[in-house]
Protein backbone atom coordinates (compact mmCIF):
# COMPACT_ATOMS: atom_id res chain seq x y z
CA MET A 1 5.01 -5.35 19.41
CA ALA A 2 6.87 -8.14 21.09
CA GLY A 3 10.39 -8.31 22.41
CA THR A 4 10.47 -11.93 23.42
CA ASP A 5 13.04 -14.57 22.57
CA ASN A 6 11.44 -16.89 20.03
CA THR A 7 13.16 -19.85 18.40
CA VAL A 8 11.80 -19.99 14.86
CA ALA A 9 14.44 -21.56 12.65
CA ASP A 10 17.72 -23.46 12.87
CA ASP A 11 17.69 -23.30 16.66
CA ASP A 12 18.73 -19.64 16.47
CA ALA A 13 16.97 -17.15 18.70
CA LEU A 14 14.96 -14.46 16.94
CA TYR A 15 13.96 -11.38 18.90
CA VAL A 16 10.64 -10.53 17.30
CA LEU A 17 10.08 -6.81 16.73
CA THR A 18 6.98 -6.74 14.56
CA ALA A 19 5.09 -8.70 11.93
CA VAL A 20 2.97 -8.00 8.86
CA LEU A 21 0.61 -10.01 6.70
CA LEU A 22 1.32 -10.93 3.10
CA THR A 23 -2.04 -12.00 1.66
CA PRO A 24 -4.06 -11.02 -1.43
CA ALA A 25 -6.15 -8.65 0.70
CA GLN A 26 -3.40 -7.21 2.87
CA PHE A 27 0.28 -6.87 2.03
CA PRO A 28 3.05 -4.26 2.32
CA SER A 29 2.40 -1.98 -0.63
CA VAL A 30 6.09 -1.10 -0.91
CA LEU A 31 6.66 -4.59 -2.31
CA GLY A 32 4.46 -4.25 -5.40
CA ASP A 33 1.23 -3.14 -7.05
CA ASP A 34 -0.45 -6.47 -6.33
CA TYR A 35 -0.10 -9.67 -4.33
CA PRO A 36 1.84 -11.71 -6.94
CA ALA A 37 4.28 -8.82 -7.39
CA ALA A 38 4.76 -8.50 -3.63
CA CYS A 39 5.47 -12.25 -3.39
CA ALA A 40 7.90 -12.07 -6.31
CA ALA A 41 9.85 -9.33 -4.51
CA LEU A 42 10.55 -11.89 -1.77
CA ASN A 43 11.01 -14.88 -4.12
CA LEU A 44 7.83 -16.49 -2.79
CA GLU A 45 5.08 -18.35 -4.62
CA PRO A 46 1.80 -16.37 -4.55
CA TYR A 47 -0.22 -18.97 -2.65
CA ALA A 48 -3.83 -17.92 -2.11
CA GLU A 49 -3.61 -18.53 1.65
CA GLY A 50 -0.78 -16.03 2.00
CA TYR A 51 2.02 -15.70 4.51
CA GLY A 52 3.03 -13.93 7.68
CA LEU A 53 6.28 -11.94 7.75
CA VAL A 54 8.00 -11.86 11.14
CA LEU A 55 10.68 -9.19 11.43
CA GLY A 56 13.31 -9.45 14.12
CA GLN A 57 16.97 -9.69 15.11
CA ASP A 58 19.07 -12.72 15.87
CA SER A 59 21.38 -13.03 18.88
CA ASP A 60 24.05 -11.06 17.02
CA GLY A 61 21.62 -8.24 16.23
CA ALA A 62 21.35 -9.07 12.51
CA ARG A 63 18.09 -8.31 10.74
CA TRP A 64 15.99 -11.24 9.54
CA THR A 65 12.57 -11.62 7.93
CA VAL A 66 11.10 -15.01 8.74
CA VAL A 67 8.31 -16.09 6.39
CA VAL A 68 5.69 -18.38 7.95
CA ASP A 69 2.56 -19.99 6.52
CA ASP A 70 0.60 -19.73 9.78
CA VAL A 71 -1.30 -16.62 8.73
CA SER A 72 -3.84 -16.86 11.54
CA LEU A 73 -1.14 -16.83 14.23
CA VAL A 74 0.45 -13.70 12.80
CA ALA A 75 -2.95 -12.02 12.38
CA VAL A 76 -3.80 -12.65 16.04
CA ALA A 77 -0.43 -11.24 17.14
CA ILE A 78 -0.89 -8.08 15.06
CA ALA A 79 -4.43 -7.56 16.37
CA SER A 80 -3.23 -7.99 19.95
CA TRP A 81 -0.39 -5.50 19.52
CA ASP A 82 -2.72 -3.01 17.86
CA CYS A 83 -4.89 -3.21 20.99
CA GLY A 84 -1.90 -2.57 23.24
CA MET A 85 -1.79 -6.16 24.49
CA GLU A 86 1.27 -8.33 24.83
CA TYR A 87 1.50 -11.36 22.59
CA ASP A 88 4.37 -13.82 22.39
CA LEU A 89 4.62 -14.54 18.68
CA SER A 90 6.33 -17.92 18.53
CA PRO A 91 5.74 -19.62 15.16
CA ASP A 92 6.22 -23.36 15.12
CA ASP A 93 9.29 -24.55 13.24
CA ASN A 94 7.04 -26.50 10.87
CA SER A 95 5.32 -23.27 9.81
CA VAL A 96 8.56 -21.57 8.75
CA VAL A 97 8.82 -21.27 4.97
CA CYS A 98 12.17 -19.48 4.84
CA ALA A 99 14.32 -16.88 6.55
CA LEU A 100 15.40 -13.92 4.45
CA PRO A 101 18.25 -11.58 5.42
CA GLY A 102 17.30 -7.97 6.08
CA TRP A 103 13.95 -6.23 6.44
CA PRO A 104 11.74 -5.08 3.56
CA LEU A 105 10.20 -2.40 5.78
CA ALA A 106 11.63 0.27 8.06
CA VAL A 107 11.43 -0.77 11.72
CA ALA A 108 11.82 1.98 14.31
CA VAL A 109 12.62 -0.25 17.29
CA ALA A 110 15.42 -2.64 18.14
CA ALA A 111 15.84 -5.62 20.42
CA PRO A 112 17.41 -4.84 23.80
CA GLY A 113 20.65 -6.46 24.83
CA VAL A 114 21.96 -7.21 21.32
CA SER A 115 23.95 -5.25 18.76
CA ALA A 116 22.25 -2.51 16.77
CA PRO A 117 20.30 -3.77 13.73
CA HIS A 118 22.60 -4.64 10.84
CA ASP A 119 22.56 -6.89 7.80
CA PRO A 120 23.79 -10.43 8.46
CA ALA A 121 27.20 -11.40 7.13
CA PRO A 122 27.27 -13.46 3.92
CA ASP A 123 27.06 -17.19 4.43
CA PRO A 124 30.54 -18.60 3.65
CA GLU A 125 28.96 -21.88 2.55
CA ALA A 126 26.74 -20.15 -0.04
CA GLY A 127 29.65 -19.52 -2.41
CA GLY A 128 28.49 -15.99 -3.14
CA ASP A 129 24.99 -17.09 -4.08
CA ASP A 130 23.29 -15.62 -0.99
CA LEU A 131 20.25 -13.46 -1.48
CA PRO A 132 21.02 -9.76 -1.06
CA PRO A 133 19.61 -8.43 2.22
CA LEU A 134 16.16 -6.93 2.01
CA SER A 135 15.97 -3.20 2.66
CA PRO A 136 13.20 -0.61 2.82
CA PRO A 137 12.83 1.81 -0.10
CA ASP A 138 14.78 5.06 -0.12
CA THR A 139 12.37 7.76 1.03
CA ASP A 140 14.55 10.54 -0.37
CA VAL A 141 13.53 9.71 -3.95
CA TRP A 142 10.15 9.30 -5.63
CA GLY A 143 9.17 6.10 -7.36
CA PRO A 144 6.56 3.33 -7.37
CA ALA A 145 7.23 2.25 -3.79
CA GLN A 146 7.00 5.80 -2.47
CA ARG A 147 3.85 6.40 -4.49
CA ARG A 148 2.20 3.36 -2.94
CA MET A 149 3.40 4.39 0.53
CA GLY A 150 1.80 7.78 -0.08
CA ALA A 151 -1.55 6.18 -0.88
CA ASP A 152 -1.30 4.05 2.26
CA ALA A 153 -0.63 7.16 4.33
CA ILE A 154 -3.66 8.92 2.87
CA ALA A 155 -5.86 5.91 3.62
CA LEU A 156 -4.67 5.94 7.24
CA GLN A 157 -5.20 9.70 7.57
CA TRP A 158 -8.25 10.10 5.38
CA ALA A 159 -9.97 12.65 7.63
CA VAL A 160 -6.89 14.90 7.66
CA TRP A 161 -6.63 14.92 3.88
CA ARG A 162 -10.36 15.24 3.33
CA GLU A 163 -10.50 18.40 5.44
CA GLN A 164 -8.33 20.14 2.85
CA ILE A 165 -10.95 19.71 0.12
CA ASP A 166 -13.98 21.98 0.04
CA ASP A 167 -17.26 20.05 -0.25
CA ASP A 168 -18.75 22.52 -2.71
CA THR A 169 -15.76 22.02 -4.98
CA ALA A 170 -15.51 18.26 -4.53
CA PHE A 171 -19.14 17.48 -5.28
CA ALA A 172 -20.06 20.21 -7.78
CA PRO A 173 -20.07 19.07 -11.44
CA ALA A 174 -17.89 21.12 -13.73
CA ALA A 175 -18.72 22.26 -17.25
CA GLY A 176 -18.86 19.40 -19.73
CA GLY A 177 -20.20 16.84 -17.26
CA ASP A 178 -16.93 16.03 -15.53
CA ALA A 179 -16.27 16.77 -11.90
CA ASP A 180 -13.08 18.30 -10.67
CA ALA A 181 -11.75 19.22 -7.28
CA ALA A 182 -8.90 21.34 -6.12
CA GLY A 183 -7.48 21.59 -2.65
CA GLY A 184 -4.66 23.39 -0.94
CA GLY A 185 -2.08 22.59 1.66
CA GLY A 186 1.13 20.73 0.94
CA ALA A 187 1.97 17.59 2.87
CA ASP A 188 4.29 14.62 2.95
CA ALA A 189 2.87 12.32 0.30
CA ALA A 190 4.82 9.22 1.23
CA GLY A 191 4.45 9.57 4.97
CA GLY A 192 7.46 9.13 7.23
CA GLY A 193 9.93 11.05 5.11
CA GLY A 194 8.81 10.87 1.48
CA ALA A 195 8.71 13.70 -1.02
CA ASP A 196 6.74 16.80 -0.10
CA ALA A 197 3.36 17.09 -1.76
CA ALA A 198 2.78 20.20 -3.81
CA ALA A 199 0.63 22.85 -2.19
CA ALA A 200 -1.88 22.74 -5.02
CA MET A 201 -3.99 19.67 -5.69
CA GLU A 202 -5.88 19.10 -8.89
CA GLY A 203 -8.10 16.38 -10.26
CA THR A 204 -10.98 15.33 -12.45
CA ASP A 205 -13.65 12.68 -12.81
CA ALA A 206 -13.03 11.14 -16.22
CA GLY A 207 -16.67 10.20 -16.77
CA SER A 208 -17.69 7.35 -19.03
CA ASP A 209 -15.63 6.36 -22.06
CA LYS A 210 -18.23 7.88 -24.39
CA GLU A 211 -18.26 11.16 -22.47
CA THR A 212 -14.46 11.27 -22.60
CA ASP A 213 -14.39 10.58 -26.35
CA ASP A 214 -17.09 13.18 -27.05
CA ALA A 215 -15.34 15.80 -24.94
CA SER A 216 -11.98 15.18 -26.61
CA ALA A 217 -13.58 15.36 -30.07
CA ASP A 218 -15.35 18.66 -29.42
CA SER A 219 -12.76 20.51 -27.39
CA PRO A 220 -9.52 20.04 -25.44
CA PRO A 221 -9.89 18.80 -21.86
CA PRO A 222 -10.08 21.38 -19.07
CA SER A 223 -6.70 22.69 -18.00
CA VAL A 224 -7.14 21.25 -14.51
CA THR A 225 -7.26 17.75 -16.01
CA HIS A 226 -3.94 15.93 -15.88
CA PRO A 227 -3.55 13.21 -18.54
CA GLY A 228 -2.19 10.85 -15.90
CA VAL A 229 -5.45 11.12 -13.98
CA ARG A 230 -7.52 10.17 -17.02
CA ARG A 231 -5.17 7.30 -17.79
CA ALA A 232 -5.38 5.96 -14.23
CA LEU A 233 -9.17 6.20 -14.15
CA ALA A 234 -9.45 4.52 -17.55
CA GLU A 235 -7.28 1.64 -16.32
CA ALA A 236 -9.34 1.39 -13.13
CA HIS A 237 -12.50 1.20 -15.28
CA ALA A 238 -10.86 -1.58 -17.30
CA TYR A 239 -10.34 -3.62 -14.12
CA VAL A 240 -14.10 -3.99 -13.79
CA GLY A 241 -14.36 -5.86 -17.08
CA ALA A 242 -11.04 -7.70 -16.89
CA PRO A 243 -10.07 -8.38 -13.26
CA PRO A 244 -6.39 -7.64 -12.58
CA PRO A 245 -4.02 -9.79 -10.50
CA PRO A 246 -5.16 -10.41 -6.88
CA GLY A 247 -4.54 -7.48 -4.58
CA ARG A 248 -4.46 -4.86 -7.33
CA VAL A 249 -7.83 -3.66 -5.98
CA ARG A 250 -8.55 -3.97 -2.26
CA SER A 251 -11.53 -2.99 -0.15
CA SER A 252 -11.44 -2.39 3.59
CA PHE A 253 -13.64 -1.00 6.35
CA ALA A 254 -14.55 2.70 6.50
CA PRO A 255 -16.87 4.56 8.89
CA GLY A 256 -20.59 4.27 8.27
CA ASP A 257 -21.62 2.02 5.42
CA ALA A 258 -18.69 3.09 3.25
CA ARG A 259 -15.69 1.10 2.09
CA MET A 260 -12.12 2.27 1.58
CA ILE A 261 -10.84 1.37 -1.88
CA ARG A 262 -7.13 0.98 -2.65
CA ALA A 263 -6.23 0.40 -6.27
CA ASP A 264 -2.89 0.42 -8.05
CA GLY A 265 -1.70 0.23 -11.61
CA PRO A 266 1.38 0.94 -13.71
CA GLY A 267 2.51 4.34 -12.47
CA TRP A 268 -0.52 5.22 -10.33
CA SER A 269 -2.20 4.59 -6.99
CA MET A 270 -5.71 5.50 -5.90
CA VAL A 271 -7.30 5.67 -2.48
CA ALA A 272 -11.00 6.48 -2.22
CA ARG A 273 -14.09 6.06 -0.13
CA THR A 274 -17.20 4.72 -1.76
CA ASP A 275 -19.24 7.59 -0.27
CA ASP A 276 -16.71 10.31 -1.02
CA ILE A 277 -13.96 11.50 -3.35
CA ALA A 278 -10.71 9.86 -4.46
CA PHE A 279 -7.04 10.77 -4.26
CA LEU A 280 -4.53 9.79 -6.92
CA LEU A 281 -0.74 9.67 -6.87
CA LEU A 282 1.33 9.33 -10.04
CA ASP A 283 4.91 8.28 -10.64
CA GLU A 284 5.23 11.15 -13.10
CA MET A 285 4.25 13.78 -10.54
CA PRO A 286 6.60 13.33 -7.56
CA GLY A 287 4.95 13.96 -4.22
CA GLU A 288 1.76 15.51 -5.60
CA ILE A 289 -1.67 14.35 -4.50
CA LEU A 290 -4.41 14.75 -7.11
CA THR A 291 -8.05 14.80 -6.07
CA VAL A 292 -10.88 13.25 -8.06
CA GLY A 293 -14.31 14.81 -7.50
CA ARG A 294 -17.37 12.61 -7.26
CA GLY A 295 -19.32 13.92 -10.22
CA THR A 296 -21.65 11.30 -11.67
CA GLU A 297 -19.17 8.61 -12.71
CA LEU A 298 -16.82 8.17 -9.74
CA PRO A 299 -19.49 6.65 -7.45
CA LYS A 300 -20.29 4.05 -10.12
CA LEU A 301 -16.63 3.21 -10.57
CA LEU A 302 -16.00 2.84 -6.84
CA LYS A 303 -19.08 0.66 -6.39
CA ALA A 304 -17.93 -1.61 -9.22
CA LEU A 305 -14.37 -1.80 -7.86
CA ASP A 306 -15.68 -2.63 -4.40
CA ALA A 307 -17.74 -5.48 -5.83
CA MET A 308 -14.71 -7.16 -7.40
CA ALA A 309 -12.06 -6.24 -4.78
CA VAL A 310 -10.47 -8.67 -2.35
CA ARG A 311 -11.31 -8.06 1.31
CA PRO A 312 -9.65 -9.01 4.58
CA SER A 313 -11.21 -12.18 5.96
């Protein structure tokens, strides 16, 4: 992170605290299920090149999010900070798209020598038409933003979550051709203060559409199968034939030759590895993490999603 004095707009000093990318392949999930939705949350056009979001405080300590179109500059700054290196993020005035009051994300640090972070006062010249200050989602309630934050947290801590699932359970096919997995151990689904995950995890591999139809015609689905899981997997399957908005399915690096898949849809989020199982979170099941065993169909689905997903450049 940087704590330098950078003039980025209107000759007002901005003390830069952190920055994030807003591109089809990488954007704050709290803002939306896909890239266009995330842009809409900030009243931005969903340009394919994307943006950089620079979060900081002005000389009075007020929170500001400065949107710039110099994505490469912001990406270099983030990579440098991630490596523990100092980097003076000073966007050129010509690259500034707009400055939005508030922060869309929680920031744990503050600039030294100025007032504590606070929302800027309304602009008296705006006549009451100012944009309301951005604010991070309330982590004391469960909703779409918290569900997406939970999936992000699982992706970042994949090894920790994976250790809770027994391999024999995760990879063994269940009766009827589906695969299901159950794990134990409650945890914080949203990460950083979200709802607690239930101690029990449950899941299923929905199989192909024909298998699902045949199973439902012959007998009711296994009790471990939650209807929300089947709905989410069916919608994920549909993405393969009818690509969703950019950013709805993303693929990123994972150890070995695997890829990490992040997919979202109305009321659900999935995080999976192409060589392993998947985890699902649902709006209708606050804080619970559902596991999806590999079976025979999940690997095919993940491979297909990886082929059509957007990837960081």
